[in-house]
Structure formats: structure tokens, C-alpha cells
Amino acid sequence: MMGTSPLSSDPLAELRARHLVMPAARPKSLPLGLLPIDELLPDAGLPRGAVVEICAPAGLGHATQLGLAACASAQREARARGDEHGTGAWCGWLDPSRTLFAPGVLATGVELERLLVVRPPPEALARIAVRLGSSQLFSLLVVDRAGVPGARPSEARARWSLTVRRLALAVENSECTVLLLSSTEQLRAEPLPVAMRIELGRPSRERLSLRIAKERYGRISREVGLSCAALQR
């Protein structure tokens, strides 16, 4: 069963105890392991030491799939490097809307025993995201701001622009990628100062659209159509 630990009991303690092996230098990007999508991304993956945002219409679900693909990729990379006892194998997922489903996660190839899932109250999401990002214990930290229709956290007073800046400073020069999952509606209300923004859409039942709408070096792209099967490994 997927592990969920309340922050009050310090769920980072076990990870700190296992932080014994310093990983060797990694490539500057984290591939998703989905070749058609990796080929569209600058540097063939998500930038490390940076905050990346994936935006999709509410309820689309593909942003979660990409987040899980990134988790599985980070864990595969760690195994290949023999880094099972270092931080490379660990991913964190902030799930305030409690929508992450363990069997579905397992089906994507993610090792549940190397995935720390925290389910904070919505009003604490930004603060806890910064705390986990500052821990330097994860290869990937996914922050689900979007959830599902009817379960999206209320962010009327959340200062996410400031939160993103704090997260960026926390992971700068580290191997960690912070991945924000946002809805298109949230993006329209409050564009965030992220290093990269990937926007998803679904023009038809069988097709997915993807474009790099923002990238820190200006490497943006036009909208590209993909088969929904591109999200399958």
C-alpha cells in the first residue's frame, strides 16, 4: 500500500537516515521515458534544479500520467546507477485532493516503496511544498495543485508566485526537479515564474496536444499533436 506520512511525525527522518551515498553527476535533464514526448522537450527531458509546470484542462488526467512517468524514469535511472540507497531513487508527491490511486501508480512502473506521498490540507500545500523541496532528498517532487473536478484545492489566497520562487531557490544547483501539476484555469488566473511550462490539451478523443509555452532559455514550441498512446511506455 502506498505510504502516507503526516508531517507532524517528520516523514523525512527515514530518508535523511538513508542519505548515505552521494550520487555521481547526472545529466542536466530528467527524461520522461516517453520517446515521442522527450523528443519535443528541450534537452530531451525536464530540467533538474528547476521548477517545471504542466498545465492541462481540469479533469484531463494526462498531467498526472506525465508526473508518474517522470517518477518511474527517475527510479529507473537510480537503479541503473546502483544508487538504490541514495536520494536518486526517491520521489515525493504532494496530493492534497487524495486522488492518487496506488494500483494505478504501480501500473506505471513506479516503485511504491520509493515514493513518499504526503496529503496536506489545501491551505498548507504551498508551505509544505517548500519544506520538502528544501530537504534535498528527492530526485523529483510532484506538487498536484489541480486535483480533479470537485476536489481542486482552493487557492484564493495562496501566493504561488512567491512559492515558486522559494522552490526554485531551494532546488537550485541540486539534482531535484519540482513538477507542478496545474489546471489551465489556474494558469489563466495566475501565470507562475517557472523555468518551463508544458501545456496539454485534448483536441479529440484519440489525440493529445502539447506545446512548450515557456522555457527559461526561450526554447518554446508550437502546439504538436500526439496520439494518446504516446503516454504509454
C-alpha atoms as a PDB file:
ATOM      1  CA  MET A   1       0.000   0.000   0.000  1.00  0.00           C
ATOM      2  CA  MET A   2       1.255   3.479  -0.771  1.00  0.00           C
ATOM      3  CA  GLY A   3       2.910   5.114   2.200  1.00  0.00           C
ATOM      4  CA  THR A   4       1.414   8.327   3.515  1.00  0.00           C
ATOM      5  CA  SER A   5       3.115  10.032   6.442  1.00  0.00           C
ATOM      6  CA  PRO A   6       1.832  13.102   8.308  1.00  0.00           C
ATOM      7  CA  LEU A   7       4.361  15.894   8.502  1.00  0.00           C
ATOM      8  CA  SER A   8       3.839  16.105  12.241  1.00  0.00           C
ATOM      9  CA  SER A   9       5.764  12.795  12.596  1.00  0.00           C
ATOM     10  CA  ASP A  10       8.570  14.055  10.318  1.00  0.00           C
ATOM     11  CA  PRO A  11       8.271  11.721   7.307  1.00  0.00           C
ATOM     12  CA  LEU A  12      11.690  12.940   6.129  1.00  0.00           C
ATOM     13  CA  ALA A  13      13.504  11.283   9.036  1.00  0.00           C
ATOM     14  CA  GLU A  14      13.794   7.891   7.344  1.00  0.00           C
ATOM     15  CA  LEU A  15      15.003   9.494   4.134  1.00  0.00           C
ATOM     16  CA  ARG A  16      17.636  11.506   5.983  1.00  0.00           C
ATOM     17  CA  ALA A  17      18.838   8.316   7.670  1.00  0.00           C
ATOM     18  CA  ARG A  18      19.295   6.720   4.248  1.00  0.00           C
ATOM     19  CA  HIS A  19      21.043   9.729   2.743  1.00  0.00           C
ATOM     20  CA  LEU A  20      24.414   7.975   2.895  1.00  0.00           C
ATOM     21  CA  VAL A  21      25.549   7.742  -0.709  1.00  0.00           C
ATOM     22  CA  MET A  22      26.442  10.803  -2.710  1.00  0.00           C
ATOM     23  CA  PRO A  23      25.244  10.209  -6.301  1.00  0.00           C
ATOM     24  CA  ALA A  24      27.593  10.899  -9.167  1.00  0.00           C
ATOM     25  CA  ALA A  25      26.858  13.677 -11.627  1.00  0.00           C
ATOM     26  CA  ARG A  26      23.669  13.152 -13.610  1.00  0.00           C
ATOM     27  CA  PRO A  27      22.612  14.506 -16.984  1.00  0.00           C
ATOM     28  CA  LYS A  28      21.159  18.015 -16.825  1.00  0.00           C
ATOM     29  CA  SER A  29      17.655  16.806 -17.704  1.00  0.00           C
ATOM     30  CA  LEU A  30      15.335  14.064 -16.488  1.00  0.00           C
ATOM     31  CA  PRO A  31      13.719  12.197 -19.407  1.00  0.00           C
ATOM     32  CA  LEU A  32      10.125  11.089 -19.051  1.00  0.00           C
ATOM     33  CA  GLY A  33      10.858   7.783 -20.733  1.00  0.00           C
ATOM     34  CA  LEU A  34       8.160   8.551 -23.310  1.00  0.00           C
ATOM     35  CA  LEU A  35      10.151   8.906 -26.516  1.00  0.00           C
ATOM     36  CA  PRO A  36       7.659  10.961 -28.605  1.00  0.00           C
ATOM     37  CA  ILE A  37       7.362  13.487 -25.774  1.00  0.00           C
ATOM     38  CA  ASP A  38      11.025  13.519 -24.765  1.00  0.00           C
ATOM     39  CA  GLU A  39      11.887  14.351 -28.386  1.00  0.00           C
ATOM     40  CA  LEU A  40       9.770  17.509 -28.104  1.00  0.00           C
ATOM     41  CA  LEU A  41      11.342  18.742 -24.858  1.00  0.00           C
ATOM     42  CA  PRO A  42      14.436  20.957 -24.767  1.00  0.00           C
ATOM     43  CA  ASP A  43      17.398  18.775 -23.702  1.00  0.00           C
ATOM     44  CA  ALA A  44      15.106  15.718 -24.128  1.00  0.00           C
ATOM     45  CA  GLY A  45      13.649  15.954 -20.631  1.00  0.00           C
ATOM     46  CA  LEU A  46      12.696  18.073 -17.644  1.00  0.00           C
ATOM     47  CA  PRO A  47      15.408  20.429 -16.309  1.00  0.00           C
ATOM     48  CA  ARG A  48      16.968  19.493 -12.991  1.00  0.00           C
ATOM     49  CA  GLY A  49      17.388  22.045 -10.237  1.00  0.00           C
ATOM     50  CA  ALA A  50      14.317  23.889 -11.513  1.00  0.00           C
ATOM     51  CA  VAL A  51      10.541  24.199 -11.241  1.00  0.00           C
ATOM     52  CA  VAL A  52       8.508  22.891 -14.180  1.00  0.00           C
ATOM     53  CA  GLU A  53       4.763  23.324 -14.617  1.00  0.00           C
ATOM     54  CA  ILE A  54       2.438  21.037 -16.554  1.00  0.00           C
ATOM     55  CA  CYS A  55      -0.941  22.629 -17.273  1.00  0.00           C
ATOM     56  CA  ALA A  56      -3.980  20.785 -18.551  1.00  0.00           C
ATOM     57  CA  PRO A  57      -7.737  21.345 -18.569  1.00  0.00           C
ATOM     58  CA  ALA A  58      -9.345  20.218 -15.320  1.00  0.00           C
ATOM     59  CA  GLY A  59     -10.091  16.510 -15.300  1.00  0.00           C
ATOM     60  CA  LEU A  60      -7.933  15.657 -18.312  1.00  0.00           C
ATOM     61  CA  GLY A  61      -5.638  13.426 -16.251  1.00  0.00           C
ATOM     62  CA  HIS A  62      -2.686  13.452 -18.621  1.00  0.00           C
ATOM     63  CA  ALA A  63      -0.638  15.766 -16.385  1.00  0.00           C
ATOM     64  CA  THR A  64      -0.764  13.103 -13.664  1.00  0.00           C
ATOM     65  CA  GLN A  65       0.339  10.477 -16.196  1.00  0.00           C
ATOM     66  CA  LEU A  66       3.350  12.568 -17.129  1.00  0.00           C
ATOM     67  CA  GLY A  67       4.189  13.091 -13.467  1.00  0.00           C
ATOM     68  CA  LEU A  68       4.094   9.349 -12.849  1.00  0.00           C
ATOM     69  CA  ALA A  69       6.200   8.738 -15.944  1.00  0.00           C
ATOM     70  CA  ALA A  70       8.806  11.141 -14.562  1.00  0.00           C
ATOM     71  CA  CYS A  71       8.780   9.312 -11.202  1.00  0.00           C
ATOM     72  CA  ALA A  72       9.269   5.952 -12.880  1.00  0.00           C
ATOM     73  CA  SER A  73      12.062   7.385 -15.014  1.00  0.00           C
ATOM     74  CA  ALA A  74      13.900   8.824 -12.002  1.00  0.00           C
ATOM     75  CA  GLN A  75      13.667   5.497 -10.210  1.00  0.00           C
ATOM     76  CA  ARG A  76      14.852   3.519 -13.242  1.00  0.00           C
ATOM     77  CA  GLU A  77      17.794   5.883 -13.605  1.00  0.00           C
ATOM     78  CA  ALA A  78      18.725   5.385  -9.948  1.00  0.00           C
ATOM     79  CA  ARG A  79      18.587   1.596 -10.263  1.00  0.00           C
ATOM     80  CA  ALA A  80      20.742   1.685 -13.379  1.00  0.00           C
ATOM     81  CA  ARG A  81      23.318   3.732 -11.485  1.00  0.00           C
ATOM     82  CA  GLY A  82      23.293   1.439  -8.480  1.00  0.00           C
ATOM     83  CA  ASP A  83      22.027   4.336  -6.366  1.00  0.00           C
ATOM     84  CA  GLU A  84      19.222   2.476  -4.594  1.00  0.00           C
ATOM     85  CA  HIS A  85      20.317   3.686  -1.148  1.00  0.00           C
ATOM     86  CA  GLY A  86      20.904   7.294  -2.146  1.00  0.00           C
ATOM     87  CA  THR A  87      18.422  10.043  -2.819  1.00  0.00           C
ATOM     88  CA  GLY A  88      18.171   9.318  -6.521  1.00  0.00           C
ATOM     89  CA  ALA A  89      15.589   6.572  -6.051  1.00  0.00           C
ATOM     90  CA  TRP A  90      13.213   8.699  -4.007  1.00  0.00           C
ATOM     91  CA  CYS A  91      10.326  10.752  -5.370  1.00  0.00           C
ATOM     92  CA  GLY A  92       7.829  12.844  -3.432  1.00  0.00           C
ATOM     93  CA  TRP A  93       4.206  13.554  -4.333  1.00  0.00           C
ATOM     94  CA  LEU A  94       2.005  16.157  -2.661  1.00  0.00           C
ATOM     95  CA  ASP A  95      -1.580  15.005  -3.103  1.00  0.00           C
ATOM     96  CA  PRO A  96      -3.942  17.345  -1.210  1.00  0.00           C
ATOM     97  CA  SER A  97      -7.017  16.170  -3.110  1.00  0.00           C
ATOM     98  CA  ARG A  98      -6.251  12.492  -2.327  1.00  0.00           C
ATOM     99  CA  THR A  99      -6.673  11.358  -5.919  1.00  0.00           C
ATOM    100  CA  LEU A 100      -3.526   9.259  -6.321  1.00  0.00           C
ATOM    101  CA  PHE A 101      -4.548   5.587  -6.580  1.00  0.00           C
ATOM    102  CA  ALA A 102      -1.905   3.037  -5.562  1.00  0.00           C
ATOM    103  CA  PRO A 103      -2.740   0.277  -8.119  1.00  0.00           C
ATOM    104  CA  GLY A 104      -2.750   2.847 -10.914  1.00  0.00           C
ATOM    105  CA  VAL A 105       0.589   4.238  -9.741  1.00  0.00           C
ATOM    106  CA  LEU A 106       2.089   0.754  -9.605  1.00  0.00           C
ATOM    107  CA  ALA A 107       0.888   0.032 -13.144  1.00  0.00           C
ATOM    108  CA  THR A 108       3.050   2.895 -14.442  1.00  0.00           C
ATOM    109  CA  GLY A 109       6.213   1.255 -13.148  1.00  0.00           C
ATOM    110  CA  VAL A 110       6.666   3.453 -10.072  1.00  0.00           C
ATOM    111  CA  GLU A 111       8.098   1.692  -7.013  1.00  0.00           C
ATOM    112  CA  LEU A 112       5.696   2.496  -4.206  1.00  0.00           C
ATOM    113  CA  GLU A 113       8.317   1.844  -1.538  1.00  0.00           C
ATOM    114  CA  ARG A 114      10.384   4.680  -3.028  1.00  0.00           C
ATOM    115  CA  LEU A 115       7.514   7.140  -3.340  1.00  0.00           C
ATOM    116  CA  LEU A 116       6.698   9.389  -0.391  1.00  0.00           C
ATOM    117  CA  VAL A 117       3.088  10.575  -0.669  1.00  0.00           C
ATOM    118  CA  VAL A 118       2.013  13.458   1.565  1.00  0.00           C
ATOM    119  CA  ARG A 119      -1.596  14.603   1.714  1.00  0.00           C
ATOM    120  CA  PRO A 120      -1.597  18.021   3.363  1.00  0.00           C
ATOM    121  CA  PRO A 121      -4.643  20.218   3.818  1.00  0.00           C
ATOM    122  CA  PRO A 122      -5.002  22.536   0.799  1.00  0.00           C
ATOM    123  CA  GLU A 123      -4.171  25.646   2.811  1.00  0.00           C
ATOM    124  CA  ALA A 124      -0.792  24.122   3.787  1.00  0.00           C
ATOM    125  CA  LEU A 125       0.165  22.885   0.319  1.00  0.00           C
ATOM    126  CA  ALA A 126       2.480  25.760  -0.627  1.00  0.00           C
ATOM    127  CA  ARG A 127       4.294  25.785   2.715  1.00  0.00           C
ATOM    128  CA  ILE A 128       4.849  22.021   2.752  1.00  0.00           C
ATOM    129  CA  ALA A 129       5.985  22.047  -0.876  1.00  0.00           C
ATOM    130  CA  VAL A 130       8.777  24.456   0.052  1.00  0.00           C
ATOM    131  CA  ARG A 131       9.708  22.347   3.069  1.00  0.00           C
ATOM    132  CA  LEU A 132      10.037  19.180   1.003  1.00  0.00           C
ATOM    133  CA  GLY A 133      11.844  20.969  -1.791  1.00  0.00           C
ATOM    134  CA  SER A 134      14.334  22.349   0.714  1.00  0.00           C
ATOM    135  CA  SER A 135      15.057  18.887   2.114  1.00  0.00           C
ATOM    136  CA  GLN A 136      17.362  17.971  -0.823  1.00  0.00           C
ATOM    137  CA  LEU A 137      16.142  14.367  -0.527  1.00  0.00           C
ATOM    138  CA  PHE A 138      14.266  13.844  -3.787  1.00  0.00           C
ATOM    139  CA  SER A 139      15.113  13.405  -7.431  1.00  0.00           C
ATOM    140  CA  LEU A 140      11.580  14.518  -8.278  1.00  0.00           C
ATOM    141  CA  LEU A 141       8.953  16.337  -6.232  1.00  0.00           C
ATOM    142  CA  VAL A 142       5.460  16.477  -7.741  1.00  0.00           C
ATOM    143  CA  VAL A 143       3.049  19.086  -6.382  1.00  0.00           C
ATOM    144  CA  ASP A 144      -0.527  18.496  -7.507  1.00  0.00           C
ATOM    145  CA  ARG A 145      -2.266  21.879  -7.494  1.00  0.00           C
ATOM    146  CA  ALA A 146      -5.014  20.739  -9.811  1.00  0.00           C
ATOM    147  CA  GLY A 147      -6.525  17.555  -8.425  1.00  0.00           C
ATOM    148  CA  VAL A 148      -9.815  16.572 -10.050  1.00  0.00           C
ATOM    149  CA  PRO A 149     -13.094  18.441 -10.667  1.00  0.00           C
ATOM    150  CA  GLY A 150     -14.847  18.999  -7.386  1.00  0.00           C
ATOM    151  CA  ALA A 151     -11.680  18.265  -5.410  1.00  0.00           C
ATOM    152  CA  ARG A 152      -9.323  21.031  -6.513  1.00  0.00           C
ATOM    153  CA  PRO A 153      -7.719  22.894  -3.614  1.00  0.00           C
ATOM    154  CA  SER A 154      -8.972  26.394  -3.026  1.00  0.00           C
ATOM    155  CA  GLU A 155      -6.081  28.757  -3.674  1.00  0.00           C
ATOM    156  CA  ALA A 156      -7.786  32.107  -3.434  1.00  0.00           C
ATOM    157  CA  ARG A 157      -5.155  33.405  -1.009  1.00  0.00           C
ATOM    158  CA  ALA A 158      -2.202  31.171  -1.898  1.00  0.00           C
ATOM    159  CA  ARG A 159       0.801  33.180  -3.030  1.00  0.00           C
ATOM    160  CA  TRP A 160       2.060  30.716  -5.591  1.00  0.00           C
ATOM    161  CA  SER A 161       4.344  33.138  -7.403  1.00  0.00           C
ATOM    162  CA  LEU A 162       6.325  33.567  -4.190  1.00  0.00           C
ATOM    163  CA  THR A 163       6.156  29.835  -3.517  1.00  0.00           C
ATOM    164  CA  VAL A 164       7.622  29.050  -6.936  1.00  0.00           C
ATOM    165  CA  ARG A 165      10.490  31.468  -6.334  1.00  0.00           C
ATOM    166  CA  ARG A 166      11.201  29.830  -2.985  1.00  0.00           C
ATOM    167  CA  LEU A 167      11.084  26.372  -4.542  1.00  0.00           C
ATOM    168  CA  ALA A 168      13.421  27.473  -7.332  1.00  0.00           C
ATOM    169  CA  LEU A 169      15.940  28.757  -4.777  1.00  0.00           C
ATOM    170  CA  ALA A 170      15.564  25.582  -2.704  1.00  0.00           C
ATOM    171  CA  VAL A 171      16.439  23.232  -5.586  1.00  0.00           C
ATOM    172  CA  GLU A 172      18.870  25.454  -7.486  1.00  0.00           C
ATOM    173  CA  ASN A 173      22.152  23.646  -8.175  1.00  0.00           C
ATOM    174  CA  SER A 174      20.616  20.369  -6.983  1.00  0.00           C
ATOM    175  CA  GLU A 175      19.511  17.250  -8.858  1.00  0.00           C
ATOM    176  CA  CYS A 176      15.854  17.753  -7.934  1.00  0.00           C
ATOM    177  CA  THR A 177      13.125  18.663 -10.382  1.00  0.00           C
ATOM    178  CA  VAL A 178       9.967  20.173  -8.901  1.00  0.00           C
ATOM    179  CA  LEU A 179       6.947  19.398 -11.083  1.00  0.00           C
ATOM    180  CA  LEU A 180       3.800  21.453 -10.537  1.00  0.00           C
ATOM    181  CA  LEU A 181       0.561  19.996 -11.895  1.00  0.00           C
ATOM    182  CA  SER A 182      -1.827  22.883 -12.572  1.00  0.00           C
ATOM    183  CA  SER A 183      -5.125  23.333 -14.355  1.00  0.00           C
ATOM    184  CA  THR A 184      -5.496  25.598 -17.363  1.00  0.00           C
ATOM    185  CA  GLU A 185      -7.895  27.666 -15.270  1.00  0.00           C
ATOM    186  CA  GLN A 186      -5.231  28.205 -12.601  1.00  0.00           C
ATOM    187  CA  LEU A 187      -2.741  29.253 -15.270  1.00  0.00           C
ATOM    188  CA  ARG A 188      -5.111  31.880 -16.639  1.00  0.00           C
ATOM    189  CA  ALA A 189      -5.704  33.254 -13.168  1.00  0.00           C
ATOM    190  CA  GLU A 190      -2.057  33.332 -12.115  1.00  0.00           C
ATOM    191  CA  PRO A 191       0.856  32.634 -14.503  1.00  0.00           C
ATOM    192  CA  LEU A 192       3.827  31.415 -12.489  1.00  0.00           C
ATOM    193  CA  PRO A 193       7.562  32.215 -12.839  1.00  0.00           C
ATOM    194  CA  VAL A 194       8.582  28.631 -13.643  1.00  0.00           C
ATOM    195  CA  ALA A 195      11.639  27.540 -15.645  1.00  0.00           C
ATOM    196  CA  MET A 196       9.484  25.573 -18.083  1.00  0.00           C
ATOM    197  CA  ARG A 197       5.762  25.337 -18.741  1.00  0.00           C
ATOM    198  CA  ILE A 198       4.222  22.470 -20.709  1.00  0.00           C
ATOM    199  CA  GLU A 199       0.623  22.966 -21.811  1.00  0.00           C
ATOM    200  CA  LEU A 200      -1.532  19.959 -22.643  1.00  0.00           C
ATOM    201  CA  GLY A 201      -4.850  19.707 -24.430  1.00  0.00           C
ATOM    202  CA  ARG A 202      -7.027  17.034 -25.971  1.00  0.00           C
ATOM    203  CA  PRO A 203      -8.408  18.140 -29.352  1.00  0.00           C
ATOM    204  CA  SER A 204     -10.048  14.748 -29.887  1.00  0.00           C
ATOM    205  CA  ARG A 205     -10.625  11.522 -28.021  1.00  0.00           C
ATOM    206  CA  GLU A 206      -7.603   9.853 -29.575  1.00  0.00           C
ATOM    207  CA  ARG A 207      -5.279  12.852 -29.772  1.00  0.00           C
ATOM    208  CA  LEU A 208      -3.272  14.870 -27.284  1.00  0.00           C
ATOM    209  CA  SER A 209      -1.799  18.307 -27.935  1.00  0.00           C
ATOM    210  CA  LEU A 210       1.405  19.508 -26.304  1.00  0.00           C
ATOM    211  CA  ARG A 211       3.416  22.692 -26.514  1.00  0.00           C
ATOM    212  CA  ILE A 212       6.311  24.233 -24.632  1.00  0.00           C
ATOM    213  CA  ALA A 213       4.742  27.566 -23.727  1.00  0.00           C
ATOM    214  CA  LYS A 214       7.625  28.850 -21.600  1.00  0.00           C
ATOM    215  CA  GLU A 215      11.280  27.908 -21.217  1.00  0.00           C
ATOM    216  CA  ARG A 216      13.999  29.801 -19.393  1.00  0.00           C
ATOM    217  CA  TYR A 217      16.231  29.991 -22.489  1.00  0.00           C
ATOM    218  CA  GLY A 218      13.411  30.883 -24.843  1.00  0.00           C
ATOM    219  CA  ARG A 219      13.133  27.445 -26.443  1.00  0.00           C
ATOM    220  CA  ILE A 220       9.371  27.404 -26.843  1.00  0.00           C
ATOM    221  CA  SER A 221       7.495  25.321 -29.391  1.00  0.00           C
ATOM    222  CA  ARG A 222       4.322  25.376 -31.394  1.00  0.00           C
ATOM    223  CA  GLU A 223       1.478  23.045 -30.475  1.00  0.00           C
ATOM    224  CA  VAL A 224       2.147  19.472 -31.571  1.00  0.00           C
ATOM    225  CA  GLY A 225      -0.458  16.736 -31.911  1.00  0.00           C
ATOM    226  CA  LEU A 226       0.288  13.300 -30.478  1.00  0.00           C
ATOM    227  CA  SER A 227      -1.564  10.042 -30.135  1.00  0.00           C
ATOM    228  CA  CYS A 228      -2.786   9.433 -26.567  1.00  0.00           C
ATOM    229  CA  ALA A 229      -0.808   6.207 -26.824  1.00  0.00           C
ATOM    230  CA  ALA A 230       2.333   8.357 -26.596  1.00  0.00           C
ATOM    231  CA  LEU A 231       1.738   8.482 -22.841  1.00  0.00           C
ATOM    232  CA  GLN A 232       2.223   4.732 -22.598  1.00  0.00           C
ATOM    233  CA  ARG A 233       5.697   3.296 -22.101  1.00  0.00           C
END
